[in-house]
């Protein structure tokens, strides 16, 4: 499971653009294991939202990727097996309202 998910439940991402408020997953410490991460997003609002994911760092300029999540359009794949390791964090925020994130991790040792 994603490290911030409680019992496999969705993680709610809001417009708070800080790494501690919207943590999605933390990779294992050290370089001997890595996580292959799959993420899905759902926007329950009518209007589209821009989702910003920061991968492994805190610099929104160099560590971020964005996706437009259409409102009320079902669950969509946003990350398809990207790797992360060394205790790095995946966190995000959205432009308006909230976006729900779920997914899974394949830990490779």
C-alpha atoms as a PDB file:
ATOM      1  CA  UNK A   1       0.000   0.000   0.000  1.00  0.00           C
ATOM      2  CA  UNK A   2       0.938   3.625  -0.244  1.00  0.00           C
ATOM      3  CA  UNK A   3       2.556   4.651   3.043  1.00  0.00           C
ATOM      4  CA  UNK A   4       0.044   7.471   3.692  1.00  0.00           C
ATOM      5  CA  UNK A   5      -3.001   5.319   3.002  1.00  0.00           C
ATOM      6  CA  UNK A   6      -4.900   4.032   6.009  1.00  0.00           C
ATOM      7  CA  UNK A   7      -6.113   0.487   5.350  1.00  0.00           C
ATOM      8  CA  UNK A   8      -5.955   1.036   1.578  1.00  0.00           C
ATOM      9  CA  UNK A   9      -8.260   4.066   1.652  1.00  0.00           C
ATOM     10  CA  UNK A  10      -7.880   7.021  -0.707  1.00  0.00           C
ATOM     11  CA  UNK A  11      -5.572   9.887   0.227  1.00  0.00           C
ATOM     12  CA  UNK A  12      -7.252  13.287  -0.081  1.00  0.00           C
ATOM     13  CA  UNK A  13      -5.053  15.942  -1.676  1.00  0.00           C
ATOM     14  CA  UNK A  14      -6.018  19.588  -1.240  1.00  0.00           C
ATOM     15  CA  UNK A  15      -4.645  22.954  -2.318  1.00  0.00           C
ATOM     16  CA  UNK A  16      -2.112  23.168   0.538  1.00  0.00           C
ATOM     17  CA  UNK A  17       1.200  23.142  -1.369  1.00  0.00           C
ATOM     18  CA  UNK A  18       3.434  21.783   1.389  1.00  0.00           C
ATOM     19  CA  UNK A  19       5.213  18.445   1.464  1.00  0.00           C
ATOM     20  CA  UNK A  20       4.026  17.577   4.968  1.00  0.00           C
ATOM     21  CA  UNK A  21       0.320  18.273   4.403  1.00  0.00           C
ATOM     22  CA  UNK A  22      -0.226  16.111   1.334  1.00  0.00           C
ATOM     23  CA  UNK A  23       2.235  13.238   1.649  1.00  0.00           C
ATOM     24  CA  UNK A  24       1.285  10.298  -0.591  1.00  0.00           C
ATOM     25  CA  UNK A  25       4.134   7.825  -0.150  1.00  0.00           C
ATOM     26  CA  UNK A  26       7.604   7.509   1.342  1.00  0.00           C
ATOM     27  CA  UNK A  27      10.074   5.143  -0.331  1.00  0.00           C
ATOM     28  CA  UNK A  28      12.198   2.716   1.716  1.00  0.00           C
ATOM     29  CA  UNK A  29      15.391   4.067   3.263  1.00  0.00           C
ATOM     30  CA  UNK A  30      18.646   3.201   1.516  1.00  0.00           C
ATOM     31  CA  UNK A  31      19.394   2.185  -2.046  1.00  0.00           C
ATOM     32  CA  UNK A  32      19.008  -1.592  -1.679  1.00  0.00           C
ATOM     33  CA  UNK A  33      15.214  -1.477  -2.174  1.00  0.00           C
ATOM     34  CA  UNK A  34      13.103   0.610  -4.477  1.00  0.00           C
ATOM     35  CA  UNK A  35       9.402   1.127  -4.994  1.00  0.00           C
ATOM     36  CA  UNK A  36       7.565   0.870  -8.302  1.00  0.00           C
ATOM     37  CA  UNK A  37       4.589   3.190  -7.792  1.00  0.00           C
ATOM     38  CA  UNK A  38       1.200   3.265  -9.540  1.00  0.00           C
ATOM     39  CA  UNK A  39      -1.155   6.153  -8.734  1.00  0.00           C
ATOM     40  CA  UNK A  40      -4.774   6.829  -9.676  1.00  0.00           C
ATOM     41  CA  UNK A  41      -6.692  10.077  -9.168  1.00  0.00           C
ATOM     42  CA  UNK A  42     -10.368  10.947  -8.848  1.00  0.00           C
ATOM     43  CA  UNK A  43     -11.825  14.455  -8.892  1.00  0.00           C
ATOM     44  CA  UNK A  44     -15.285  14.563  -7.301  1.00  0.00           C
ATOM     45  CA  UNK A  45     -15.760  18.233  -8.212  1.00  0.00           C
ATOM     46  CA  UNK A  46     -17.573  19.430 -11.346  1.00  0.00           C
ATOM     47  CA  UNK A  47     -14.655  21.599 -12.501  1.00  0.00           C
ATOM     48  CA  UNK A  48     -11.318  20.179 -13.619  1.00  0.00           C
ATOM     49  CA  UNK A  49      -8.410  20.436 -11.192  1.00  0.00           C
ATOM     50  CA  UNK A  50      -4.698  20.632 -11.875  1.00  0.00           C
ATOM     51  CA  UNK A  51      -2.853  18.057  -9.789  1.00  0.00           C
ATOM     52  CA  UNK A  52       0.820  18.703  -9.033  1.00  0.00           C
ATOM     53  CA  UNK A  53       2.914  15.735  -7.888  1.00  0.00           C
ATOM     54  CA  UNK A  54       6.384  16.306  -6.458  1.00  0.00           C
ATOM     55  CA  UNK A  55       8.552  13.234  -6.887  1.00  0.00           C
ATOM     56  CA  UNK A  56      11.430  12.771  -4.451  1.00  0.00           C
ATOM     57  CA  UNK A  57      12.048  16.404  -3.621  1.00  0.00           C
ATOM     58  CA  UNK A  58      10.505  19.638  -2.460  1.00  0.00           C
ATOM     59  CA  UNK A  59      11.309  21.914  -5.395  1.00  0.00           C
ATOM     60  CA  UNK A  60       8.091  22.429  -7.337  1.00  0.00           C
ATOM     61  CA  UNK A  61      10.067  23.717 -10.327  1.00  0.00           C
ATOM     62  CA  UNK A  62      12.401  20.722 -10.798  1.00  0.00           C
ATOM     63  CA  UNK A  63      10.680  17.818  -8.994  1.00  0.00           C
ATOM     64  CA  UNK A  64       7.082  18.311 -10.110  1.00  0.00           C
ATOM     65  CA  UNK A  65       4.801  16.894 -12.770  1.00  0.00           C
ATOM     66  CA  UNK A  66       1.273  18.105 -13.440  1.00  0.00           C
ATOM     67  CA  UNK A  67      -1.900  16.483 -14.675  1.00  0.00           C
ATOM     68  CA  UNK A  68      -5.326  17.914 -15.412  1.00  0.00           C
ATOM     69  CA  UNK A  69      -7.947  15.783 -13.651  1.00  0.00           C
ATOM     70  CA  UNK A  70     -11.367  16.187 -15.257  1.00  0.00           C
ATOM     71  CA  UNK A  71     -14.242  16.572 -12.818  1.00  0.00           C
ATOM     72  CA  UNK A  72     -16.630  13.662 -12.263  1.00  0.00           C
ATOM     73  CA  UNK A  73     -14.917  11.531 -14.895  1.00  0.00           C
ATOM     74  CA  UNK A  74     -13.980   8.456 -12.884  1.00  0.00           C
ATOM     75  CA  UNK A  75     -10.667   7.172 -11.596  1.00  0.00           C
ATOM     76  CA  UNK A  76      -7.715   7.795 -13.942  1.00  0.00           C
ATOM     77  CA  UNK A  77      -4.153   6.440 -14.010  1.00  0.00           C
ATOM     78  CA  UNK A  78      -1.640   9.243 -13.409  1.00  0.00           C
ATOM     79  CA  UNK A  79       1.590   7.329 -12.612  1.00  0.00           C
ATOM     80  CA  UNK A  80       2.370   4.028 -14.312  1.00  0.00           C
ATOM     81  CA  UNK A  81       5.159   2.315 -12.422  1.00  0.00           C
ATOM     82  CA  UNK A  82       7.649   5.102 -11.781  1.00  0.00           C
ATOM     83  CA  UNK A  83      10.509   4.188  -9.436  1.00  0.00           C
ATOM     84  CA  UNK A  84      11.596   5.872  -6.204  1.00  0.00           C
ATOM     85  CA  UNK A  85      14.071   4.942  -3.437  1.00  0.00           C
ATOM     86  CA  UNK A  86      16.363   6.311  -0.667  1.00  0.00           C
ATOM     87  CA  UNK A  87      13.527   7.399   1.639  1.00  0.00           C
ATOM     88  CA  UNK A  88      12.309  10.001  -0.861  1.00  0.00           C
ATOM     89  CA  UNK A  89       8.742  11.320  -0.620  1.00  0.00           C
ATOM     90  CA  UNK A  90       5.939  11.655  -3.132  1.00  0.00           C
ATOM     91  CA  UNK A  91       3.557  14.487  -2.272  1.00  0.00           C
ATOM     92  CA  UNK A  92       1.172  16.719  -4.121  1.00  0.00           C
ATOM     93  CA  UNK A  93      -1.438  19.434  -4.171  1.00  0.00           C
ATOM     94  CA  UNK A  94      -4.253  20.522  -6.483  1.00  0.00           C
ATOM     95  CA  UNK A  95      -5.352  23.860  -7.878  1.00  0.00           C
ATOM     96  CA  UNK A  96      -8.873  23.859  -6.411  1.00  0.00           C
ATOM     97  CA  UNK A  97     -10.996  21.651  -4.199  1.00  0.00           C
ATOM     98  CA  UNK A  98      -9.692  18.163  -3.509  1.00  0.00           C
ATOM     99  CA  UNK A  99      -8.460  15.205  -5.534  1.00  0.00           C
ATOM    100  CA  UNK A 100      -8.457  11.672  -4.124  1.00  0.00           C
ATOM    101  CA  UNK A 101      -5.377   9.523  -4.762  1.00  0.00           C
ATOM    102  CA  UNK A 102      -5.056   5.761  -4.446  1.00  0.00           C
ATOM    103  CA  UNK A 103      -2.741   3.164  -5.887  1.00  0.00           C
ATOM    104  CA  UNK A 104      -0.212   0.530  -5.000  1.00  0.00           C
ATOM    105  CA  UNK A 105       3.495  -0.107  -4.664  1.00  0.00           C
ATOM    106  CA  UNK A 106       5.605  -3.037  -5.809  1.00  0.00           C
ATOM    107  CA  UNK A 107       8.627  -3.122  -3.503  1.00  0.00           C
ATOM    108  CA  UNK A 108      11.719  -4.447  -5.283  1.00  0.00           C
ATOM    109  CA  UNK A 109      14.589  -5.649  -3.084  1.00  0.00           C
END
